[in-house]
């Protein structure tokens, strides 16, 4: 806590003469009375003339000193600086690449991270600013930086994983550019880590929080699919499929190609 007008506290020095007034002895004139029964209060006041007796027995002095302290503190204008939720800037970066469709975690990896991102937005205070960015071939800001949490939640719920390559560095670079050099900004990156990211300014920023999902060692997917018609014979169709193993270990699995539920080819 600090004071905008600290010199006003010097008025507390007035408490000294206030206390000295209570040390003054009152001159009393002698009178002859028939009884002391009705003069009990006067006798107690006379006893209070002794040194420190008045200070011990008079609550009025305490009230006056407290009033003086309250007045001086008010004139000094105390202020307290509080860093609340309004200072937070949170950016949610969602990895929408094809690997997020893998189903080794629940219904899909993307559904898992989408639930976590929505929970993060709901935990934010009313004054916090939040932004949502989808990564893909090009970063896409689906909710601009602002305090509208409902819009950010709608952007998170409406996000979908697509058959797109991973472009996380570009999305992170966009997030860093939009928040500038603000050290209070927080960038949450939700990804499965299917691709190794080079160590760079975009990935080594201390404001970045990585939230991973899935198993990186089991990431195999279809990268190309082409269907063409064969005009020889019965005018059948041919399908060409490219499977890529993005892990460092060999994978064995069953592959089946079907059209409208009808299997066309299987392989292992």
C-alpha atoms as a PDB file:
ATOM      1  CA  UNK A   1       0.000   0.000   0.000  1.00  0.00           C
ATOM      2  CA  UNK A   2       1.196   3.526  -0.778  1.00  0.00           C
ATOM      3  CA  UNK A   3      -0.065   7.091  -0.254  1.00  0.00           C
ATOM      4  CA  UNK A   4      -0.725   9.751  -2.865  1.00  0.00           C
ATOM      5  CA  UNK A   5      -0.314  12.573  -0.295  1.00  0.00           C
ATOM      6  CA  UNK A   6       2.020  11.210   2.390  1.00  0.00           C
ATOM      7  CA  UNK A   7       2.687  14.705   3.834  1.00  0.00           C
ATOM      8  CA  UNK A   8      -0.832  14.654   5.285  1.00  0.00           C
ATOM      9  CA  UNK A   9       0.383  12.107   7.835  1.00  0.00           C
ATOM     10  CA  UNK A  10       2.373  14.912   9.491  1.00  0.00           C
ATOM     11  CA  UNK A  11      -0.929  16.069  10.996  1.00  0.00           C
ATOM     12  CA  UNK A  12      -0.629  13.137  13.392  1.00  0.00           C
ATOM     13  CA  UNK A  13       1.641  15.398  15.401  1.00  0.00           C
ATOM     14  CA  UNK A  14      -1.522  17.122  16.654  1.00  0.00           C
ATOM     15  CA  UNK A  15      -2.057  14.113  18.894  1.00  0.00           C
ATOM     16  CA  UNK A  16       0.707  15.376  21.215  1.00  0.00           C
ATOM     17  CA  UNK A  17      -0.943  18.664  22.234  1.00  0.00           C
ATOM     18  CA  UNK A  18      -4.257  16.790  22.485  1.00  0.00           C
ATOM     19  CA  UNK A  19      -2.747  14.446  25.073  1.00  0.00           C
ATOM     20  CA  UNK A  20      -1.090  17.334  26.932  1.00  0.00           C
ATOM     21  CA  UNK A  21      -4.502  18.972  27.387  1.00  0.00           C
ATOM     22  CA  UNK A  22      -5.536  15.997  29.474  1.00  0.00           C
ATOM     23  CA  UNK A  23      -2.546  16.501  31.821  1.00  0.00           C
ATOM     24  CA  UNK A  24      -3.586  20.018  32.814  1.00  0.00           C
ATOM     25  CA  UNK A  25      -4.847  20.279  36.351  1.00  0.00           C
ATOM     26  CA  UNK A  26      -8.052  22.175  36.938  1.00  0.00           C
ATOM     27  CA  UNK A  27      -8.092  24.909  39.624  1.00  0.00           C
ATOM     28  CA  UNK A  28     -10.874  24.194  42.010  1.00  0.00           C
ATOM     29  CA  UNK A  29     -12.444  26.492  44.576  1.00  0.00           C
ATOM     30  CA  UNK A  30     -13.161  25.214  48.088  1.00  0.00           C
ATOM     31  CA  UNK A  31     -16.813  24.955  49.104  1.00  0.00           C
ATOM     32  CA  UNK A  32     -18.529  23.716  52.243  1.00  0.00           C
ATOM     33  CA  UNK A  33     -21.275  21.193  51.650  1.00  0.00           C
ATOM     34  CA  UNK A  34     -23.507  19.185  53.917  1.00  0.00           C
ATOM     35  CA  UNK A  35     -22.734  15.787  52.368  1.00  0.00           C
ATOM     36  CA  UNK A  36     -20.324  14.200  49.856  1.00  0.00           C
ATOM     37  CA  UNK A  37     -22.858  11.652  48.676  1.00  0.00           C
ATOM     38  CA  UNK A  38     -23.795  13.677  45.591  1.00  0.00           C
ATOM     39  CA  UNK A  39     -20.213  14.621  44.754  1.00  0.00           C
ATOM     40  CA  UNK A  40     -18.816  11.204  43.850  1.00  0.00           C
ATOM     41  CA  UNK A  41     -18.220  12.183  40.221  1.00  0.00           C
ATOM     42  CA  UNK A  42     -16.364  15.331  41.295  1.00  0.00           C
ATOM     43  CA  UNK A  43     -14.103  13.301  43.530  1.00  0.00           C
ATOM     44  CA  UNK A  44     -13.284  10.876  40.733  1.00  0.00           C
ATOM     45  CA  UNK A  45     -12.469  13.803  38.455  1.00  0.00           C
ATOM     46  CA  UNK A  46     -10.117  15.191  41.072  1.00  0.00           C
ATOM     47  CA  UNK A  47      -8.346  11.845  41.329  1.00  0.00           C
ATOM     48  CA  UNK A  48      -7.934  11.877  37.563  1.00  0.00           C
ATOM     49  CA  UNK A  49      -5.784  15.000  37.896  1.00  0.00           C
ATOM     50  CA  UNK A  50      -2.952  12.707  38.942  1.00  0.00           C
ATOM     51  CA  UNK A  51      -0.358  11.988  36.238  1.00  0.00           C
ATOM     52  CA  UNK A  52      -1.577   9.349  33.711  1.00  0.00           C
ATOM     53  CA  UNK A  53      -4.820   8.761  35.595  1.00  0.00           C
ATOM     54  CA  UNK A  54      -6.895  10.708  33.092  1.00  0.00           C
ATOM     55  CA  UNK A  55      -5.360   8.798  30.168  1.00  0.00           C
ATOM     56  CA  UNK A  56      -6.242   5.491  31.772  1.00  0.00           C
ATOM     57  CA  UNK A  57      -9.845   6.309  32.595  1.00  0.00           C
ATOM     58  CA  UNK A  58     -11.088   8.666  29.864  1.00  0.00           C
ATOM     59  CA  UNK A  59     -12.259   6.903  26.668  1.00  0.00           C
ATOM     60  CA  UNK A  60     -12.945  10.275  25.055  1.00  0.00           C
ATOM     61  CA  UNK A  61      -9.225  10.837  24.502  1.00  0.00           C
ATOM     62  CA  UNK A  62      -8.925   7.475  22.740  1.00  0.00           C
ATOM     63  CA  UNK A  63     -11.851   8.328  20.455  1.00  0.00           C
ATOM     64  CA  UNK A  64     -10.358  11.711  19.643  1.00  0.00           C
ATOM     65  CA  UNK A  65      -6.991  10.185  18.773  1.00  0.00           C
ATOM     66  CA  UNK A  66      -8.644   7.547  16.573  1.00  0.00           C
ATOM     67  CA  UNK A  67     -10.632  10.247  14.785  1.00  0.00           C
ATOM     68  CA  UNK A  68      -7.414  12.199  14.183  1.00  0.00           C
ATOM     69  CA  UNK A  69      -5.667   9.107  12.774  1.00  0.00           C
ATOM     70  CA  UNK A  70      -8.600   8.335  10.468  1.00  0.00           C
ATOM     71  CA  UNK A  71      -8.664  11.929   9.223  1.00  0.00           C
ATOM     72  CA  UNK A  72      -4.925  11.960   8.530  1.00  0.00           C
ATOM     73  CA  UNK A  73      -5.014   8.619   6.703  1.00  0.00           C
ATOM     74  CA  UNK A  74      -7.930   9.828   4.566  1.00  0.00           C
ATOM     75  CA  UNK A  75      -6.065  13.016   3.662  1.00  0.00           C
ATOM     76  CA  UNK A  76      -2.978  10.943   2.752  1.00  0.00           C
ATOM     77  CA  UNK A  77      -5.110   9.089   0.135  1.00  0.00           C
ATOM     78  CA  UNK A  78      -3.920   5.475   0.475  1.00  0.00           C
ATOM     79  CA  UNK A  79      -3.901   3.370  -2.688  1.00  0.00           C
ATOM     80  CA  UNK A  80      -3.395  -0.352  -3.306  1.00  0.00           C
ATOM     81  CA  UNK A  81      -2.321  -1.771  -6.660  1.00  0.00           C
ATOM     82  CA  UNK A  82      -3.917  -5.143  -7.360  1.00  0.00           C
ATOM     83  CA  UNK A  83      -3.116  -7.328 -10.386  1.00  0.00           C
ATOM     84  CA  UNK A  84      -6.395  -9.045 -11.160  1.00  0.00           C
ATOM     85  CA  UNK A  85      -7.795 -11.218 -13.942  1.00  0.00           C
ATOM     86  CA  UNK A  86      -8.211  -8.176 -16.137  1.00  0.00           C
ATOM     87  CA  UNK A  87      -4.478  -8.152 -16.760  1.00  0.00           C
ATOM     88  CA  UNK A  88      -4.412 -11.685 -18.241  1.00  0.00           C
ATOM     89  CA  UNK A  89      -4.188 -12.301 -21.957  1.00  0.00           C
ATOM     90  CA  UNK A  90      -4.739 -15.934 -22.887  1.00  0.00           C
ATOM     91  CA  UNK A  91      -4.293 -17.319 -26.401  1.00  0.00           C
ATOM     92  CA  UNK A  92      -5.575 -20.822 -27.205  1.00  0.00           C
ATOM     93  CA  UNK A  93      -3.856 -22.448 -30.191  1.00  0.00           C
ATOM     94  CA  UNK A  94      -5.588 -25.605 -31.459  1.00  0.00           C
ATOM     95  CA  UNK A  95      -3.748 -28.106 -33.630  1.00  0.00           C
ATOM     96  CA  UNK A  96      -6.276 -29.026 -36.327  1.00  0.00           C
ATOM     97  CA  UNK A  97      -3.957 -31.166 -38.441  1.00  0.00           C
ATOM     98  CA  UNK A  98      -4.902 -34.623 -39.703  1.00  0.00           C
ATOM     99  CA  UNK A  99      -3.049 -36.461 -36.927  1.00  0.00           C
ATOM    100  CA  UNK A 100      -5.511 -35.035 -34.404  1.00  0.00           C
ATOM    101  CA  UNK A 101      -8.152 -37.392 -35.829  1.00  0.00           C
ATOM    102  CA  UNK A 102      -6.383 -40.387 -34.295  1.00  0.00           C
ATOM    103  CA  UNK A 103      -8.616 -42.325 -31.913  1.00  0.00           C
ATOM    104  CA  UNK A 104      -6.105 -43.601 -29.385  1.00  0.00           C
ATOM    105  CA  UNK A 105      -7.593 -41.144 -26.838  1.00  0.00           C
ATOM    106  CA  UNK A 106     -11.376 -41.298 -26.448  1.00  0.00           C
ATOM    107  CA  UNK A 107     -13.357 -40.544 -29.574  1.00  0.00           C
ATOM    108  CA  UNK A 108     -10.375 -38.642 -31.034  1.00  0.00           C
ATOM    109  CA  UNK A 109      -7.324 -36.689 -29.964  1.00  0.00           C
ATOM    110  CA  UNK A 110      -8.937 -33.454 -31.056  1.00  0.00           C
ATOM    111  CA  UNK A 111     -12.076 -34.048 -28.979  1.00  0.00           C
ATOM    112  CA  UNK A 112      -9.842 -34.548 -25.943  1.00  0.00           C
ATOM    113  CA  UNK A 113      -7.899 -31.311 -26.360  1.00  0.00           C
ATOM    114  CA  UNK A 114     -11.036 -29.388 -27.292  1.00  0.00           C
ATOM    115  CA  UNK A 115     -12.571 -30.338 -23.940  1.00  0.00           C
ATOM    116  CA  UNK A 116      -9.454 -29.213 -22.090  1.00  0.00           C
ATOM    117  CA  UNK A 117      -9.356 -25.903 -23.978  1.00  0.00           C
ATOM    118  CA  UNK A 118     -13.015 -25.222 -23.187  1.00  0.00           C
ATOM    119  CA  UNK A 119     -12.371 -25.933 -19.492  1.00  0.00           C
ATOM    120  CA  UNK A 120      -9.497 -23.426 -19.529  1.00  0.00           C
ATOM    121  CA  UNK A 121     -11.694 -20.694 -21.006  1.00  0.00           C
ATOM    122  CA  UNK A 122     -14.431 -21.347 -18.437  1.00  0.00           C
ATOM    123  CA  UNK A 123     -11.931 -21.014 -15.573  1.00  0.00           C
ATOM    124  CA  UNK A 124     -10.848 -17.537 -16.647  1.00  0.00           C
ATOM    125  CA  UNK A 125     -12.105 -14.527 -14.704  1.00  0.00           C
ATOM    126  CA  UNK A 126     -14.598 -12.084 -16.168  1.00  0.00           C
ATOM    127  CA  UNK A 127     -11.903  -9.485 -16.908  1.00  0.00           C
ATOM    128  CA  UNK A 128      -9.455 -11.787 -18.692  1.00  0.00           C
ATOM    129  CA  UNK A 129      -8.940 -11.477 -22.450  1.00  0.00           C
ATOM    130  CA  UNK A 130      -8.889 -14.634 -24.560  1.00  0.00           C
ATOM    131  CA  UNK A 131      -8.166 -15.466 -28.204  1.00  0.00           C
ATOM    132  CA  UNK A 132      -8.604 -18.705 -30.175  1.00  0.00           C
ATOM    133  CA  UNK A 133      -6.398 -19.656 -33.144  1.00  0.00           C
ATOM    134  CA  UNK A 134      -6.692 -22.770 -35.319  1.00  0.00           C
ATOM    135  CA  UNK A 135      -3.526 -24.047 -36.951  1.00  0.00           C
ATOM    136  CA  UNK A 136      -3.579 -25.514 -40.425  1.00  0.00           C
ATOM    137  CA  UNK A 137      -2.051 -24.630 -43.744  1.00  0.00           C
ATOM    138  CA  UNK A 138      -2.582 -21.019 -42.627  1.00  0.00           C
ATOM    139  CA  UNK A 139      -3.347 -19.870 -39.056  1.00  0.00           C
ATOM    140  CA  UNK A 140      -6.961 -18.818 -38.596  1.00  0.00           C
ATOM    141  CA  UNK A 141      -8.122 -16.564 -35.740  1.00  0.00           C
ATOM    142  CA  UNK A 142     -11.612 -17.789 -34.902  1.00  0.00           C
ATOM    143  CA  UNK A 143     -12.060 -15.537 -31.836  1.00  0.00           C
ATOM    144  CA  UNK A 144     -10.257 -12.208 -31.613  1.00  0.00           C
ATOM    145  CA  UNK A 145      -8.664 -11.094 -28.359  1.00  0.00           C
ATOM    146  CA  UNK A 146     -11.417  -9.859 -26.067  1.00  0.00           C
ATOM    147  CA  UNK A 147     -13.345 -10.408 -22.842  1.00  0.00           C
ATOM    148  CA  UNK A 148     -16.254 -12.247 -24.490  1.00  0.00           C
ATOM    149  CA  UNK A 149     -15.812 -15.753 -23.085  1.00  0.00           C
ATOM    150  CA  UNK A 150     -18.960 -17.048 -24.777  1.00  0.00           C
ATOM    151  CA  UNK A 151     -17.534 -16.209 -28.188  1.00  0.00           C
ATOM    152  CA  UNK A 152     -14.251 -17.933 -27.307  1.00  0.00           C
ATOM    153  CA  UNK A 153     -16.109 -21.025 -26.079  1.00  0.00           C
ATOM    154  CA  UNK A 154     -18.147 -21.112 -29.286  1.00  0.00           C
ATOM    155  CA  UNK A 155     -14.924 -20.925 -31.312  1.00  0.00           C
ATOM    156  CA  UNK A 156     -13.410 -23.821 -29.372  1.00  0.00           C
ATOM    157  CA  UNK A 157     -16.534 -25.978 -29.685  1.00  0.00           C
ATOM    158  CA  UNK A 158     -16.844 -25.207 -33.398  1.00  0.00           C
ATOM    159  CA  UNK A 159     -13.257 -26.199 -34.231  1.00  0.00           C
ATOM    160  CA  UNK A 160     -12.703 -29.387 -36.207  1.00  0.00           C
ATOM    161  CA  UNK A 161      -9.648 -31.457 -37.116  1.00  0.00           C
ATOM    162  CA  UNK A 162      -9.091 -31.515 -40.881  1.00  0.00           C
ATOM    163  CA  UNK A 163      -6.996 -33.399 -43.401  1.00  0.00           C
ATOM    164  CA  UNK A 164      -4.298 -30.751 -43.280  1.00  0.00           C
ATOM    165  CA  UNK A 165      -0.562 -30.785 -42.592  1.00  0.00           C
ATOM    166  CA  UNK A 166       0.836 -29.553 -39.294  1.00  0.00           C
ATOM    167  CA  UNK A 167       1.775 -25.847 -39.253  1.00  0.00           C
ATOM    168  CA  UNK A 168       2.094 -25.137 -35.549  1.00  0.00           C
ATOM    169  CA  UNK A 169       5.113 -22.771 -35.791  1.00  0.00           C
ATOM    170  CA  UNK A 170       3.111 -20.439 -38.040  1.00  0.00           C
ATOM    171  CA  UNK A 171       0.162 -20.444 -35.633  1.00  0.00           C
ATOM    172  CA  UNK A 172       2.431 -19.769 -32.659  1.00  0.00           C
ATOM    173  CA  UNK A 173       4.157 -16.979 -34.557  1.00  0.00           C
ATOM    174  CA  UNK A 174       0.753 -15.409 -35.227  1.00  0.00           C
ATOM    175  CA  UNK A 175      -0.181 -15.654 -31.534  1.00  0.00           C
ATOM    176  CA  UNK A 176       3.075 -14.003 -30.439  1.00  0.00           C
ATOM    177  CA  UNK A 177       2.618 -11.212 -32.961  1.00  0.00           C
ATOM    178  CA  UNK A 178      -0.930 -10.464 -31.793  1.00  0.00           C
ATOM    179  CA  UNK A 179      -0.019 -10.230 -28.092  1.00  0.00           C
ATOM    180  CA  UNK A 180       3.225  -8.397 -28.768  1.00  0.00           C
ATOM    181  CA  UNK A 181       5.860  -8.355 -26.062  1.00  0.00           C
ATOM    182  CA  UNK A 182       3.382  -8.379 -23.189  1.00  0.00           C
ATOM    183  CA  UNK A 183       5.012 -10.577 -20.498  1.00  0.00           C
ATOM    184  CA  UNK A 184       1.608 -11.266 -18.914  1.00  0.00           C
ATOM    185  CA  UNK A 185       0.338 -13.062 -22.028  1.00  0.00           C
ATOM    186  CA  UNK A 186      -0.104 -16.838 -21.913  1.00  0.00           C
ATOM    187  CA  UNK A 187      -0.136 -18.989 -25.048  1.00  0.00           C
ATOM    188  CA  UNK A 188      -1.644 -22.462 -24.596  1.00  0.00           C
ATOM    189  CA  UNK A 189      -0.803 -24.834 -27.460  1.00  0.00           C
ATOM    190  CA  UNK A 190      -2.979 -27.962 -27.660  1.00  0.00           C
ATOM    191  CA  UNK A 191      -1.355 -30.581 -29.879  1.00  0.00           C
ATOM    192  CA  UNK A 192      -0.464 -34.263 -30.082  1.00  0.00           C
ATOM    193  CA  UNK A 193       3.155 -33.506 -30.927  1.00  0.00           C
ATOM    194  CA  UNK A 194       3.031 -35.682 -34.023  1.00  0.00           C
ATOM    195  CA  UNK A 195       5.776 -33.655 -35.647  1.00  0.00           C
ATOM    196  CA  UNK A 196       9.055 -32.571 -34.107  1.00  0.00           C
ATOM    197  CA  UNK A 197       9.239 -28.807 -33.781  1.00  0.00           C
ATOM    198  CA  UNK A 198      12.569 -27.111 -34.320  1.00  0.00           C
ATOM    199  CA  UNK A 199      13.908 -25.142 -31.363  1.00  0.00           C
ATOM    200  CA  UNK A 200      13.212 -21.526 -32.288  1.00  0.00           C
ATOM    201  CA  UNK A 201      11.857 -18.267 -30.894  1.00  0.00           C
ATOM    202  CA  UNK A 202       8.351 -19.455 -31.725  1.00  0.00           C
ATOM    203  CA  UNK A 203       8.661 -22.596 -29.593  1.00  0.00           C
ATOM    204  CA  UNK A 204      11.047 -21.487 -26.823  1.00  0.00           C
ATOM    205  CA  UNK A 205       9.036 -18.465 -25.672  1.00  0.00           C
ATOM    206  CA  UNK A 206       8.546 -18.842 -21.872  1.00  0.00           C
ATOM    207  CA  UNK A 207       4.952 -17.657 -22.259  1.00  0.00           C
ATOM    208  CA  UNK A 208       4.044 -20.828 -24.192  1.00  0.00           C
ATOM    209  CA  UNK A 209       2.372 -23.708 -22.323  1.00  0.00           C
ATOM    210  CA  UNK A 210       2.345 -27.050 -24.144  1.00  0.00           C
ATOM    211  CA  UNK A 211      -0.624 -29.360 -23.585  1.00  0.00           C
ATOM    212  CA  UNK A 212      -0.102 -32.716 -25.275  1.00  0.00           C
ATOM    213  CA  UNK A 213      -2.447 -35.577 -26.041  1.00  0.00           C
ATOM    214  CA  UNK A 214      -2.109 -39.022 -27.595  1.00  0.00           C
ATOM    215  CA  UNK A 215       0.936 -41.142 -28.277  1.00  0.00           C
ATOM    216  CA  UNK A 216       3.435 -39.724 -30.687  1.00  0.00           C
ATOM    217  CA  UNK A 217       4.951 -43.165 -31.398  1.00  0.00           C
ATOM    218  CA  UNK A 218       1.702 -44.376 -32.998  1.00  0.00           C
ATOM    219  CA  UNK A 219       0.948 -41.816 -35.660  1.00  0.00           C
ATOM    220  CA  UNK A 220       0.123 -43.350 -39.040  1.00  0.00           C
ATOM    221  CA  UNK A 221      -2.236 -41.790 -41.527  1.00  0.00           C
ATOM    222  CA  UNK A 222      -3.407 -41.535 -45.120  1.00  0.00           C
ATOM    223  CA  UNK A 223      -1.595 -38.708 -46.883  1.00  0.00           C
ATOM    224  CA  UNK A 224      -2.894 -39.208 -50.431  1.00  0.00           C
ATOM    225  CA  UNK A 225      -6.033 -40.727 -51.925  1.00  0.00           C
ATOM    226  CA  UNK A 226      -6.802 -40.802 -55.603  1.00  0.00           C
ATOM    227  CA  UNK A 227      -9.610 -42.601 -57.461  1.00  0.00           C
ATOM    228  CA  UNK A 228      -9.795 -42.929 -61.212  1.00  0.00           C
ATOM    229  CA  UNK A 229     -12.059 -44.733 -63.614  1.00  0.00           C
ATOM    230  CA  UNK A 230     -10.764 -47.542 -65.794  1.00  0.00           C
ATOM    231  CA  UNK A 231     -12.319 -47.477 -69.247  1.00  0.00           C
ATOM    232  CA  UNK A 232     -11.117 -50.910 -70.244  1.00  0.00           C
ATOM    233  CA  UNK A 233     -13.387 -53.837 -69.599  1.00  0.00           C
ATOM    234  CA  UNK A 234     -16.245 -53.162 -67.194  1.00  0.00           C
ATOM    235  CA  UNK A 235     -15.467 -49.487 -66.552  1.00  0.00           C
ATOM    236  CA  UNK A 236     -14.322 -50.178 -63.008  1.00  0.00           C
ATOM    237  CA  UNK A 237     -12.524 -47.801 -60.661  1.00  0.00           C
ATOM    238  CA  UNK A 238      -9.018 -47.876 -59.238  1.00  0.00           C
ATOM    239  CA  UNK A 239      -8.026 -46.369 -55.907  1.00  0.00           C
ATOM    240  CA  UNK A 240      -4.483 -45.272 -54.993  1.00  0.00           C
ATOM    241  CA  UNK A 241      -3.761 -44.739 -51.306  1.00  0.00           C
ATOM    242  CA  UNK A 242      -0.551 -43.520 -49.648  1.00  0.00           C
ATOM    243  CA  UNK A 243       0.074 -44.419 -46.009  1.00  0.00           C
ATOM    244  CA  UNK A 244       2.821 -42.664 -44.065  1.00  0.00           C
ATOM    245  CA  UNK A 245       4.285 -43.716 -40.742  1.00  0.00           C
ATOM    246  CA  UNK A 246       5.411 -40.538 -38.946  1.00  0.00           C
ATOM    247  CA  UNK A 247       6.882 -42.411 -35.983  1.00  0.00           C
ATOM    248  CA  UNK A 248      10.430 -43.659 -35.584  1.00  0.00           C
ATOM    249  CA  UNK A 249       9.294 -47.252 -35.054  1.00  0.00           C
ATOM    250  CA  UNK A 250       7.815 -49.676 -37.600  1.00  0.00           C
ATOM    251  CA  UNK A 251       4.061 -50.194 -37.228  1.00  0.00           C
ATOM    252  CA  UNK A 252       1.942 -53.213 -38.069  1.00  0.00           C
ATOM    253  CA  UNK A 253      -1.797 -52.855 -38.550  1.00  0.00           C
ATOM    254  CA  UNK A 254      -4.700 -53.970 -40.728  1.00  0.00           C
ATOM    255  CA  UNK A 255      -5.819 -51.652 -43.520  1.00  0.00           C
ATOM    256  CA  UNK A 256      -9.204 -51.909 -45.219  1.00  0.00           C
ATOM    257  CA  UNK A 257     -10.656 -49.786 -48.019  1.00  0.00           C
ATOM    258  CA  UNK A 258     -14.441 -49.679 -48.325  1.00  0.00           C
ATOM    259  CA  UNK A 259     -17.015 -47.710 -50.309  1.00  0.00           C
ATOM    260  CA  UNK A 260     -20.521 -47.327 -48.851  1.00  0.00           C
ATOM    261  CA  UNK A 261     -19.726 -50.033 -46.350  1.00  0.00           C
ATOM    262  CA  UNK A 262     -18.584 -52.493 -49.036  1.00  0.00           C
ATOM    263  CA  UNK A 263     -14.968 -53.620 -48.554  1.00  0.00           C
ATOM    264  CA  UNK A 264     -12.837 -53.247 -51.680  1.00  0.00           C
ATOM    265  CA  UNK A 265      -9.375 -54.214 -50.478  1.00  0.00           C
ATOM    266  CA  UNK A 266      -7.577 -55.256 -47.313  1.00  0.00           C
ATOM    267  CA  UNK A 267      -3.917 -55.345 -46.471  1.00  0.00           C
ATOM    268  CA  UNK A 268      -1.609 -55.838 -43.504  1.00  0.00           C
END
